[in-house]
Amino acid sequence: MKTTKLLPLIALVFLVGCDHMTHTEQNVLGGAALGAIGGAAIGAAVGHHGAGVGALIGAGVGAVGGYIYDQSVYDDYDYYY
């Protein structure tokens, strides 16, 4: 019962949290979040150091990947966002 009330609140916080961010900040944060999820899954499956270390490594790699993606996509435009 408590989780059914908590999940929409968490979703709302994540959606509103990206409201006043630039495209670069959104892409870096999205990359870090996806990297952390993937890293945690791989870390839990491999099991040497656990899901926490995998999430930290994945978040770092995802943030760098999100920044590289942002620069490659928005470098071609002459105007600012």
PDB file of N, CA and C in Angstrom:
ATOM      1  N   MET A   1       0.813  -1.186   0.000  1.00  0.00           N
ATOM      2  CA  MET A   1       0.000   0.000   0.000  1.00  0.00           C
ATOM      3  C   MET A   1       0.864   1.260   0.000  1.00  0.00           C
ATOM      4  N   LYS A   2       1.912   1.264   0.799  1.00  0.00           N
ATOM      5  CA  LYS A   2       2.767   2.447   0.874  1.00  0.00           C
ATOM      6  C   LYS A   2       3.559   2.652  -0.410  1.00  0.00           C
ATOM      7  N   THR A   3       3.945   1.553  -1.062  1.00  0.00           N
ATOM      8  CA  THR A   3       4.726   1.702  -2.293  1.00  0.00           C
ATOM      9  C   THR A   3       3.888   2.256  -3.430  1.00  0.00           C
ATOM     10  N   THR A   4       2.575   2.003  -3.424  1.00  0.00           N
ATOM     11  CA  THR A   4       1.737   2.554  -4.489  1.00  0.00           C
ATOM     12  C   THR A   4       1.621   4.065  -4.378  1.00  0.00           C
ATOM     13  N   LYS A   5       1.784   4.607  -3.193  1.00  0.00           N
ATOM     14  CA  LYS A   5       1.771   6.058  -3.021  1.00  0.00           C
ATOM     15  C   LYS A   5       3.150   6.661  -3.247  1.00  0.00           C
ATOM     16  N   LEU A   6       4.181   5.883  -3.000  1.00  0.00           N
ATOM     17  CA  LEU A   6       5.543   6.392  -3.091  1.00  0.00           C
ATOM     18  C   LEU A   6       6.056   6.427  -4.529  1.00  0.00           C
ATOM     19  N   LEU A   7       5.689   5.459  -5.343  1.00  0.00           N
ATOM     20  CA  LEU A   7       6.204   5.399  -6.713  1.00  0.00           C
ATOM     21  C   LEU A   7       5.797   6.598  -7.570  1.00  0.00           C
ATOM     22  N   PRO A   8       4.532   7.051  -7.561  1.00  0.00           N
ATOM     23  CA  PRO A   8       4.222   8.262  -8.337  1.00  0.00           C
ATOM     24  C   PRO A   8       4.957   9.502  -7.840  1.00  0.00           C
ATOM     25  N   LEU A   9       5.192   9.577  -6.539  1.00  0.00           N
ATOM     26  CA  LEU A   9       5.933  10.712  -5.993  1.00  0.00           C
ATOM     27  C   LEU A   9       7.376  10.708  -6.480  1.00  0.00           C
ATOM     28  N   ILE A  10       8.000   9.551  -6.507  1.00  0.00           N
ATOM     29  CA  ILE A  10       9.374   9.439  -7.014  1.00  0.00           C
ATOM     30  C   ILE A  10       9.424   9.799  -8.493  1.00  0.00           C
ATOM     31  N   ALA A  11       8.457   9.316  -9.272  1.00  0.00           N
ATOM     32  CA  ALA A  11       8.414   9.647 -10.700  1.00  0.00           C
ATOM     33  C   ALA A  11       8.239  11.146 -10.907  1.00  0.00           C
ATOM     34  N   LEU A  12       7.408  11.777 -10.106  1.00  0.00           N
ATOM     35  CA  LEU A  12       7.197  13.219 -10.218  1.00  0.00           C
ATOM     36  C   LEU A  12       8.465  13.996  -9.898  1.00  0.00           C
ATOM     37  N   VAL A  13       9.195  13.571  -8.885  1.00  0.00           N
ATOM     38  CA  VAL A  13      10.446  14.244  -8.522  1.00  0.00           C
ATOM     39  C   VAL A  13      11.449  14.154  -9.663  1.00  0.00           C
ATOM     40  N   PHE A  14      11.550  12.987 -10.299  1.00  0.00           N
ATOM     41  CA  PHE A  14      12.485  12.840 -11.410  1.00  0.00           C
ATOM     42  C   PHE A  14      12.064  13.663 -12.621  1.00  0.00           C
ATOM     43  N   LEU A  15      10.769  13.749 -12.891  1.00  0.00           N
ATOM     44  CA  LEU A  15      10.312  14.520 -14.042  1.00  0.00           C
ATOM     45  C   LEU A  15      10.477  16.017 -13.825  1.00  0.00           C
ATOM     46  N   VAL A  16      10.170  16.504 -12.654  1.00  0.00           N
ATOM     47  CA  VAL A  16      10.276  17.930 -12.367  1.00  0.00           C
ATOM     48  C   VAL A  16      11.733  18.336 -12.190  1.00  0.00           C
ATOM     49  N   GLY A  17      12.573  17.421 -11.776  1.00  0.00           N
ATOM     50  CA  GLY A  17      13.977  17.734 -11.537  1.00  0.00           C
ATOM     51  C   GLY A  17      14.728  18.167 -12.782  1.00  0.00           C
ATOM     52  N   CYS A  18      14.288  17.771 -13.960  1.00  0.00           N
ATOM     53  CA  CYS A  18      14.968  18.123 -15.211  1.00  0.00           C
ATOM     54  C   CYS A  18      14.371  19.362 -15.867  1.00  0.00           C
ATOM     55  N   ASP A  19      13.497  20.078 -15.183  1.00  0.00           N
ATOM     56  CA  ASP A  19      12.768  21.177 -15.799  1.00  0.00           C
ATOM     57  C   ASP A  19      13.667  22.340 -16.188  1.00  0.00           C
ATOM     58  N   HIS A  20      14.546  22.787 -15.323  1.00  0.00           N
ATOM     59  CA  HIS A  20      15.364  23.967 -15.592  1.00  0.00           C
ATOM     60  C   HIS A  20      16.805  23.599 -15.921  1.00  0.00           C
ATOM     61  N   MET A  21      16.997  22.522 -16.637  1.00  0.00           N
ATOM     62  CA  MET A  21      18.343  22.084 -17.008  1.00  0.00           C
ATOM     63  C   MET A  21      18.580  22.360 -18.488  1.00  0.00           C
ATOM     64  N   THR A  22      19.833  22.564 -18.832  1.00  0.00           N
ATOM     65  CA  THR A  22      20.185  22.704 -20.238  1.00  0.00           C
ATOM     66  C   THR A  22      20.186  21.323 -20.887  1.00  0.00           C
ATOM     67  N   HIS A  23      20.291  21.304 -22.213  1.00  0.00           N
ATOM     68  CA  HIS A  23      20.348  20.024 -22.920  1.00  0.00           C
ATOM     69  C   HIS A  23      21.571  19.220 -22.494  1.00  0.00           C
ATOM     70  N   THR A  24      22.678  19.899 -22.298  1.00  0.00           N
ATOM     71  CA  THR A  24      23.897  19.197 -21.882  1.00  0.00           C
ATOM     72  C   THR A  24      23.713  18.553 -20.516  1.00  0.00           C
ATOM     73  N   GLU A  25      23.155  19.289 -19.575  1.00  0.00           N
ATOM     74  CA  GLU A  25      22.938  18.733 -18.236  1.00  0.00           C
ATOM     75  C   GLU A  25      21.974  17.556 -18.272  1.00  0.00           C
ATOM     76  N   GLN A  26      20.925  17.654 -19.089  1.00  0.00           N
ATOM     77  CA  GLN A  26      19.972  16.554 -19.199  1.00  0.00           C
ATOM     78  C   GLN A  26      20.619  15.313 -19.795  1.00  0.00           C
ATOM     79  N   ASN A  27      21.435  15.495 -20.823  1.00  0.00           N
ATOM     80  CA  ASN A  27      22.080  14.345 -21.448  1.00  0.00           C
ATOM     81  C   ASN A  27      23.112  13.700 -20.533  1.00  0.00           C
ATOM     82  N   VAL A  28      23.865  14.509 -19.802  1.00  0.00           N
ATOM     83  CA  VAL A  28      24.853  13.948 -18.872  1.00  0.00           C
ATOM     84  C   VAL A  28      24.146  13.201 -17.743  1.00  0.00           C
ATOM     85  N   LEU A  29      23.095  13.784 -17.187  1.00  0.00           N
ATOM     86  CA  LEU A  29      22.363  13.132 -16.105  1.00  0.00           C
ATOM     87  C   LEU A  29      21.676  11.858 -16.585  1.00  0.00           C
ATOM     88  N   GLY A  30      21.090  11.907 -17.775  1.00  0.00           N
ATOM     89  CA  GLY A  30      20.458  10.706 -18.323  1.00  0.00           C
ATOM     90  C   GLY A  30      21.459   9.603 -18.586  1.00  0.00           C
ATOM     91  N   GLY A  31      22.613   9.974 -19.118  1.00  0.00           N
ATOM     92  CA  GLY A  31      23.661   8.982 -19.345  1.00  0.00           C
ATOM     93  C   GLY A  31      24.166   8.378 -18.055  1.00  0.00           C
ATOM     94  N   ALA A  32      24.308   9.210 -17.030  1.00  0.00           N
ATOM     95  CA  ALA A  32      24.766   8.705 -15.733  1.00  0.00           C
ATOM     96  C   ALA A  32      23.739   7.767 -15.117  1.00  0.00           C
ATOM     97  N   ALA A  33      22.464   8.107 -15.243  1.00  0.00           N
ATOM     98  CA  ALA A  33      21.418   7.245 -14.677  1.00  0.00           C
ATOM     99  C   ALA A  33      21.360   5.904 -15.392  1.00  0.00           C
ATOM    100  N   LEU A  34      21.387   5.938 -16.719  1.00  0.00           N
ATOM    101  CA  LEU A  34      21.359   4.678 -17.470  1.00  0.00           C
ATOM    102  C   LEU A  34      22.620   3.864 -17.234  1.00  0.00           C
ATOM    103  N   GLY A  35      23.752   4.542 -17.139  1.00  0.00           N
ATOM    104  CA  GLY A  35      25.000   3.839 -16.854  1.00  0.00           C
ATOM    105  C   GLY A  35      24.997   3.200 -15.480  1.00  0.00           C
ATOM    106  N   ALA A  36      24.418   3.887 -14.505  1.00  0.00           N
ATOM    107  CA  ALA A  36      24.347   3.333 -13.150  1.00  0.00           C
ATOM    108  C   ALA A  36      23.452   2.104 -13.103  1.00  0.00           C
ATOM    109  N   ILE A  37      22.345   2.156 -13.822  1.00  0.00           N
ATOM    110  CA  ILE A  37      21.450   0.994 -13.863  1.00  0.00           C
ATOM    111  C   ILE A  37      22.138  -0.184 -14.537  1.00  0.00           C
ATOM    112  N   GLY A  38      22.754   0.077 -15.682  1.00  0.00           N
ATOM    113  CA  GLY A  38      23.465  -0.996 -16.381  1.00  0.00           C
ATOM    114  C   GLY A  38      24.645  -1.527 -15.590  1.00  0.00           C
ATOM    115  N   GLY A  39      25.392  -0.627 -14.968  1.00  0.00           N
ATOM    116  CA  GLY A  39      26.537  -1.045 -14.166  1.00  0.00           C
ATOM    117  C   GLY A  39      26.130  -1.855 -12.947  1.00  0.00           C
ATOM    118  N   ALA A  40      25.015  -1.479 -12.330  1.00  0.00           N
ATOM    119  CA  ALA A  40      24.530  -2.240 -11.177  1.00  0.00           C
ATOM    120  C   ALA A  40      24.089  -3.636 -11.598  1.00  0.00           C
ATOM    121  N   ALA A  41      23.438  -3.729 -12.754  1.00  0.00           N
ATOM    122  CA  ALA A  41      23.004  -5.043 -13.240  1.00  0.00           C
ATOM    123  C   ALA A  41      24.198  -5.930 -13.565  1.00  0.00           C
ATOM    124  N   ILE A  42      25.188  -5.361 -14.233  1.00  0.00           N
ATOM    125  CA  ILE A  42      26.381  -6.145 -14.573  1.00  0.00           C
ATOM    126  C   ILE A  42      27.169  -6.491 -13.314  1.00  0.00           C
ATOM    127  N   GLY A  43      27.297  -5.541 -12.397  1.00  0.00           N
ATOM    128  CA  GLY A  43      28.015  -5.802 -11.150  1.00  0.00           C
ATOM    129  C   GLY A  43      27.354  -6.878 -10.313  1.00  0.00           C
ATOM    130  N   ALA A  44      26.029  -6.893 -10.305  1.00  0.00           N
ATOM    131  CA  ALA A  44      25.321  -7.927  -9.552  1.00  0.00           C
ATOM    132  C   ALA A  44      25.458  -9.287 -10.224  1.00  0.00           C
ATOM    133  N   ALA A  45      25.486  -9.294 -11.560  1.00  0.00           N
ATOM    134  CA  ALA A  45      25.604 -10.564 -12.279  1.00  0.00           C
ATOM    135  C   ALA A  45      27.004 -11.152 -12.157  1.00  0.00           C
ATOM    136  N   VAL A  46      28.020 -10.301 -12.242  1.00  0.00           N
ATOM    137  CA  VAL A  46      29.397 -10.786 -12.150  1.00  0.00           C
ATOM    138  C   VAL A  46      29.716 -11.152 -10.709  1.00  0.00           C
ATOM    139  N   GLY A  47      29.370 -10.285  -9.778  1.00  0.00           N
ATOM    140  CA  GLY A  47      29.465 -10.597  -8.372  1.00  0.00           C
ATOM    141  C   GLY A  47      30.813 -10.442  -7.709  1.00  0.00           C
ATOM    142  N   HIS A  48      31.831  -9.966  -8.404  1.00  0.00           N
ATOM    143  CA  HIS A  48      33.138  -9.820  -7.766  1.00  0.00           C
ATOM    144  C   HIS A  48      33.136  -8.695  -6.729  1.00  0.00           C
ATOM    145  N   HIS A  49      32.661  -7.527  -7.120  1.00  0.00           N
ATOM    146  CA  HIS A  49      32.670  -6.383  -6.209  1.00  0.00           C
ATOM    147  C   HIS A  49      31.263  -5.903  -5.869  1.00  0.00           C
ATOM    148  N   GLY A  50      30.264  -6.459  -6.462  1.00  0.00           N
ATOM    149  CA  GLY A  50      28.889  -6.125  -6.129  1.00  0.00           C
ATOM    150  C   GLY A  50      28.279  -5.071  -7.029  1.00  0.00           C
ATOM    151  N   ALA A  51      27.005  -4.837  -6.790  1.00  0.00           N
ATOM    152  CA  ALA A  51      26.244  -3.907  -7.610  1.00  0.00           C
ATOM    153  C   ALA A  51      26.628  -2.456  -7.351  1.00  0.00           C
ATOM    154  N   GLY A  52      27.064  -2.134  -6.144  1.00  0.00           N
ATOM    155  CA  GLY A  52      27.413  -0.748  -5.822  1.00  0.00           C
ATOM    156  C   GLY A  52      28.591  -0.235  -6.614  1.00  0.00           C
ATOM    157  N   VAL A  53      29.632  -1.034  -6.707  1.00  0.00           N
ATOM    158  CA  VAL A  53      30.813  -0.635  -7.483  1.00  0.00           C
ATOM    159  C   VAL A  53      30.459  -0.563  -8.962  1.00  0.00           C
ATOM    160  N   GLY A  54      29.667  -1.512  -9.431  1.00  0.00           N
ATOM    161  CA  GLY A  54      29.232  -1.483 -10.827  1.00  0.00           C
ATOM    162  C   GLY A  54      28.412  -0.251 -11.145  1.00  0.00           C
ATOM    163  N   ALA A  55      27.555   0.158 -10.202  1.00  0.00           N
ATOM    164  CA  ALA A  55      26.748   1.358 -10.407  1.00  0.00           C
ATOM    165  C   ALA A  55      27.612   2.609 -10.455  1.00  0.00           C
ATOM    166  N   LEU A  56      28.618   2.691  -9.601  1.00  0.00           N
ATOM    167  CA  LEU A  56      29.511   3.861  -9.617  1.00  0.00           C
ATOM    168  C   LEU A  56      30.302   3.946 -10.914  1.00  0.00           C
ATOM    169  N   ILE A  57      30.849   2.825 -11.345  1.00  0.00           N
ATOM    170  CA  ILE A  57      31.607   2.812 -12.599  1.00  0.00           C
ATOM    171  C   ILE A  57      30.680   3.112 -13.770  1.00  0.00           C
ATOM    172  N   GLY A  58      29.510   2.504 -13.776  1.00  0.00           N
ATOM    173  CA  GLY A  58      28.551   2.740 -14.853  1.00  0.00           C
ATOM    174  C   GLY A  58      28.078   4.177 -14.912  1.00  0.00           C
ATOM    175  N   ALA A  59      27.891   4.807 -13.750  1.00  0.00           N
ATOM    176  CA  ALA A  59      27.468   6.209 -13.726  1.00  0.00           C
ATOM    177  C   ALA A  59      28.534   7.112 -14.321  1.00  0.00           C
ATOM    178  N   GLY A  60      29.786   6.841 -14.002  1.00  0.00           N
ATOM    179  CA  GLY A  60      30.874   7.643 -14.573  1.00  0.00           C
ATOM    180  C   GLY A  60      30.976   7.484 -16.073  1.00  0.00           C
ATOM    181  N   VAL A  61      30.919   6.250 -16.529  1.00  0.00           N
ATOM    182  CA  VAL A  61      31.001   5.987 -17.970  1.00  0.00           C
ATOM    183  C   VAL A  61      29.777   6.563 -18.681  1.00  0.00           C
ATOM    184  N   GLY A  62      28.605   6.430 -18.070  1.00  0.00           N
ATOM    185  CA  GLY A  62      27.390   6.971 -18.674  1.00  0.00           C
ATOM    186  C   GLY A  62      27.392   8.483 -18.755  1.00  0.00           C
ATOM    187  N   ALA A  63      27.924   9.147 -17.735  1.00  0.00           N
ATOM    188  CA  ALA A  63      27.996  10.609 -17.756  1.00  0.00           C
ATOM    189  C   ALA A  63      28.915  11.090 -18.870  1.00  0.00           C
ATOM    190  N   VAL A  64      30.050  10.432 -19.024  1.00  0.00           N
ATOM    191  CA  VAL A  64      30.970  10.793 -20.111  1.00  0.00           C
ATOM    192  C   VAL A  64      30.311  10.524 -21.461  1.00  0.00           C
ATOM    193  N   GLY A  65      29.630   9.396 -21.571  1.00  0.00           N
ATOM    194  CA  GLY A  65      28.934   9.075 -22.818  1.00  0.00           C
ATOM    195  C   GLY A  65      27.835  10.069 -23.140  1.00  0.00           C
ATOM    196  N   GLY A  66      27.091  10.503 -22.126  1.00  0.00           N
ATOM    197  CA  GLY A  66      26.051  11.502 -22.339  1.00  0.00           C
ATOM    198  C   GLY A  66      26.614  12.835 -22.786  1.00  0.00           C
ATOM    199  N   TYR A  67      27.758  13.221 -22.237  1.00  0.00           N
ATOM    200  CA  TYR A  67      28.395  14.473 -22.646  1.00  0.00           C
ATOM    201  C   TYR A  67      28.906  14.387 -24.084  1.00  0.00           C
ATOM    202  N   ILE A  68      29.516  13.267 -24.424  1.00  0.00           N
ATOM    203  CA  ILE A  68      30.009  13.087 -25.795  1.00  0.00           C
ATOM    204  C   ILE A  68      28.847  13.091 -26.782  1.00  0.00           C
ATOM    205  N   TYR A  69      27.756  12.434 -26.422  1.00  0.00           N
ATOM    206  CA  TYR A  69      26.570  12.444 -27.282  1.00  0.00           C
ATOM    207  C   TYR A  69      26.056  13.867 -27.468  1.00  0.00           C
ATOM    208  N   ASP A  70      25.971  14.613 -26.378  1.00  0.00           N
ATOM    209  CA  ASP A  70      25.473  15.979 -26.456  1.00  0.00           C
ATOM    210  C   ASP A  70      26.343  16.838 -27.359  1.00  0.00           C
ATOM    211  N   GLN A  71      27.647  16.725 -27.215  1.00  0.00           N
ATOM    212  CA  GLN A  71      28.546  17.537 -28.028  1.00  0.00           C
ATOM    213  C   GLN A  71      28.498  17.139 -29.496  1.00  0.00           C
ATOM    214  N   SER A  72      28.293  15.865 -29.780  1.00  0.00           N
ATOM    215  CA  SER A  72      28.255  15.437 -31.179  1.00  0.00           C
ATOM    216  C   SER A  72      26.949  15.835 -31.850  1.00  0.00           C
ATOM    217  N   VAL A  73      25.862  15.888 -31.097  1.00  0.00           N
ATOM    218  CA  VAL A  73      24.571  16.230 -31.688  1.00  0.00           C
ATOM    219  C   VAL A  73      24.401  17.732 -31.804  1.00  0.00           C
ATOM    220  N   TYR A  74      24.701  18.474 -30.750  1.00  0.00           N
ATOM    221  CA  TYR A  74      24.409  19.899 -30.722  1.00  0.00           C
ATOM    222  C   TYR A  74      25.564  20.765 -31.204  1.00  0.00           C
ATOM    223  N   ASP A  75      26.674  20.188 -31.601  1.00  0.00           N
ATOM    224  CA  ASP A  75      27.780  20.966 -32.155  1.00  0.00           C
ATOM    225  C   ASP A  75      27.459  21.508 -33.543  1.00  0.00           C
ATOM    226  N   ASP A  76      26.560  20.851 -34.244  1.00  0.00           N
ATOM    227  CA  ASP A  76      26.254  21.246 -35.611  1.00  0.00           C
ATOM    228  C   ASP A  76      25.360  22.478 -35.692  1.00  0.00           C
ATOM    229  N   TYR A  77      24.730  22.855 -34.593  1.00  0.00           N
ATOM    230  CA  TYR A  77      23.824  23.989 -34.609  1.00  0.00           C
ATOM    231  C   TYR A  77      24.577  25.287 -34.339  1.00  0.00           C
ATOM    232  N   ASP A  78      24.099  26.357 -34.979  1.00  0.00           N
ATOM    233  CA  ASP A  78      24.730  27.660 -34.814  1.00  0.00           C
ATOM    234  C   ASP A  78      24.085  28.492 -33.709  1.00  0.00           C
ATOM    235  N   TYR A  79      22.979  28.051 -33.189  1.00  0.00           N
ATOM    236  CA  TYR A  79      22.289  28.820 -32.168  1.00  0.00           C
ATOM    237  C   TYR A  79      22.386  28.102 -30.823  1.00  0.00           C
ATOM    238  N   TYR A  80      22.025  28.825 -29.777  1.00  0.00           N
ATOM    239  CA  TYR A  80      22.135  28.299 -28.417  1.00  0.00           C
ATOM    240  C   TYR A  80      20.782  27.822 -27.932  1.00  0.00           C
ATOM    241  N   TYR A  81      20.814  26.878 -26.998  1.00  0.00           N
ATOM    242  CA  TYR A  81      19.581  26.359 -26.410  1.00  0.00           C
ATOM    243  C   TYR A  81      19.322  27.027 -25.099  1.00  0.00           C
TER     244      TYR A  81
END
